[in-house]
Amino acid sequence: MKHITVILIMLISTLGPSAVIAFVGYKSVEALGRNPSAAAKILISMLLAFVFAEVIAVLGILSVFMLYGHWQ
C-alpha cells in the first residue's frame, strides 16, 4: 500500500505540471499568432508560468523522496 501511494503522488506531481506547461505553450503560440508585436510580454509571462510549474513538480518529487526515505 505504501508503494502505491508513492506511485500515485509521483504520477500526480509530474502529470499536473506537464499539463500546465503544454497548455501554456499552446496558448502562448496562439497568442503570438494573433499579436506578434506583444512577443516580449508573452515571453515573460510564459517563462514565469513555466518556472512556477516546474517548482511545483520539483516540490512534489522532493516530497515523494522524503516520504519514501522515512518509510525504509
C-alpha atoms as a PDB file:
ATOM      1  CA  MET A   1       0.000   0.000   0.000  1.00  0.00           C
ATOM      2  CA  LYS A   2       2.866   2.375   0.760  1.00  0.00           C
ATOM      3  CA  HIS A   3       4.380   1.899  -2.668  1.00  0.00           C
ATOM      4  CA  ILE A   4       1.058   2.541  -4.390  1.00  0.00           C
ATOM      5  CA  THR A   5       0.730   5.816  -2.505  1.00  0.00           C
ATOM      6  CA  VAL A   6       4.227   6.866  -3.576  1.00  0.00           C
ATOM      7  CA  ILE A   7       3.450   5.945  -7.181  1.00  0.00           C
ATOM      8  CA  LEU A   8       0.221   7.960  -7.155  1.00  0.00           C
ATOM      9  CA  ILE A   9       1.882  11.016  -5.621  1.00  0.00           C
ATOM     10  CA  MET A  10       4.704  10.804  -8.163  1.00  0.00           C
ATOM     11  CA  LEU A  11       2.215  10.463 -11.025  1.00  0.00           C
ATOM     12  CA  ILE A  12       0.154  13.451  -9.923  1.00  0.00           C
ATOM     13  CA  SER A  13       3.184  15.603  -9.169  1.00  0.00           C
ATOM     14  CA  THR A  14       4.605  15.067 -12.651  1.00  0.00           C
ATOM     15  CA  LEU A  15       1.444  14.950 -14.739  1.00  0.00           C
ATOM     16  CA  GLY A  16      -0.041  18.178 -13.380  1.00  0.00           C
ATOM     17  CA  PRO A  17       2.878  20.473 -14.181  1.00  0.00           C
ATOM     18  CA  SER A  18       3.399  18.727 -17.526  1.00  0.00           C
ATOM     19  CA  ALA A  19      -0.183  19.528 -18.488  1.00  0.00           C
ATOM     20  CA  VAL A  20       0.278  23.133 -17.356  1.00  0.00           C
ATOM     21  CA  ILE A  21       3.428  23.517 -19.452  1.00  0.00           C
ATOM     22  CA  ALA A  22       1.708  22.062 -22.512  1.00  0.00           C
ATOM     23  CA  PHE A  23      -1.336  24.301 -22.097  1.00  0.00           C
ATOM     24  CA  VAL A  24       0.733  27.448 -21.509  1.00  0.00           C
ATOM     25  CA  GLY A  25       2.930  26.687 -24.504  1.00  0.00           C
ATOM     26  CA  TYR A  26      -0.088  26.129 -26.741  1.00  0.00           C
ATOM     27  CA  LYS A  27      -1.794  29.335 -25.640  1.00  0.00           C
ATOM     28  CA  SER A  28       1.430  31.338 -25.961  1.00  0.00           C
ATOM     29  CA  VAL A  29       1.925  30.239 -29.550  1.00  0.00           C
ATOM     30  CA  GLU A  30      -1.726  31.011 -30.236  1.00  0.00           C
ATOM     31  CA  ALA A  31      -1.329  34.496 -28.716  1.00  0.00           C
ATOM     32  CA  LEU A  32       1.816  35.130 -30.757  1.00  0.00           C
ATOM     33  CA  GLY A  33      -0.097  34.205 -33.888  1.00  0.00           C
ATOM     34  CA  ARG A  34      -2.767  36.772 -33.095  1.00  0.00           C
ATOM     35  CA  ASN A  35      -0.474  39.580 -31.926  1.00  0.00           C
ATOM     36  CA  PRO A  36       3.210  39.212 -32.885  1.00  0.00           C
ATOM     37  CA  SER A  37       4.087  42.669 -31.570  1.00  0.00           C
ATOM     38  CA  ALA A  38       3.407  41.528 -27.977  1.00  0.00           C
ATOM     39  CA  ALA A  39       6.122  38.882 -28.138  1.00  0.00           C
ATOM     40  CA  ALA A  40       8.156  40.289 -25.234  1.00  0.00           C
ATOM     41  CA  LYS A  41       5.215  40.397 -22.822  1.00  0.00           C
ATOM     42  CA  ILE A  42       4.026  36.946 -23.860  1.00  0.00           C
ATOM     43  CA  LEU A  43       7.533  35.513 -23.463  1.00  0.00           C
ATOM     44  CA  ILE A  44       7.919  36.864 -19.933  1.00  0.00           C
ATOM     45  CA  SER A  45       4.548  35.572 -18.756  1.00  0.00           C
ATOM     46  CA  MET A  46       5.159  32.216 -20.457  1.00  0.00           C
ATOM     47  CA  LEU A  47       8.555  31.787 -18.799  1.00  0.00           C
ATOM     48  CA  LEU A  48       7.127  32.696 -15.389  1.00  0.00           C
ATOM     49  CA  ALA A  49       4.367  30.119 -15.812  1.00  0.00           C
ATOM     50  CA  PHE A  50       6.956  27.503 -16.811  1.00  0.00           C
ATOM     51  CA  VAL A  51       9.085  28.291 -13.760  1.00  0.00           C
ATOM     52  CA  PHE A  52       6.132  28.051 -11.377  1.00  0.00           C
ATOM     53  CA  ALA A  53       5.000  24.765 -12.919  1.00  0.00           C
ATOM     54  CA  GLU A  54       8.499  23.318 -12.609  1.00  0.00           C
ATOM     55  CA  VAL A  55       8.754  24.422  -8.981  1.00  0.00           C
ATOM     56  CA  ILE A  56       5.517  22.583  -8.239  1.00  0.00           C
ATOM     57  CA  ALA A  57       6.891  19.467  -9.945  1.00  0.00           C
ATOM     58  CA  VAL A  58      10.179  19.635  -8.032  1.00  0.00           C
ATOM     59  CA  LEU A  59       8.380  20.114  -4.712  1.00  0.00           C
ATOM     60  CA  GLY A  60       6.166  17.125  -5.451  1.00  0.00           C
ATOM     61  CA  ILE A  61       9.120  14.929  -6.324  1.00  0.00           C
ATOM     62  CA  LEU A  62      11.037  16.068  -3.230  1.00  0.00           C
ATOM     63  CA  SER A  63       8.065  15.274  -1.020  1.00  0.00           C
ATOM     64  CA  VAL A  64       7.899  11.783  -2.531  1.00  0.00           C
ATOM     65  CA  PHE A  65      11.581  11.229  -1.827  1.00  0.00           C
ATOM     66  CA  MET A  66      11.174  12.494   1.728  1.00  0.00           C
ATOM     67  CA  LEU A  67       8.176  10.236   2.363  1.00  0.00           C
ATOM     68  CA  TYR A  68       9.810   7.239   0.791  1.00  0.00           C
ATOM     69  CA  GLY A  69      13.035   7.794   2.710  1.00  0.00           C
ATOM     70  CA  HIS A  70      11.190   7.798   6.050  1.00  0.00           C
ATOM     71  CA  TRP A  71       9.410   4.535   5.289  1.00  0.00           C
ATOM     72  CA  GLN A  72      12.558   2.474   4.886  1.00  0.00           C
END
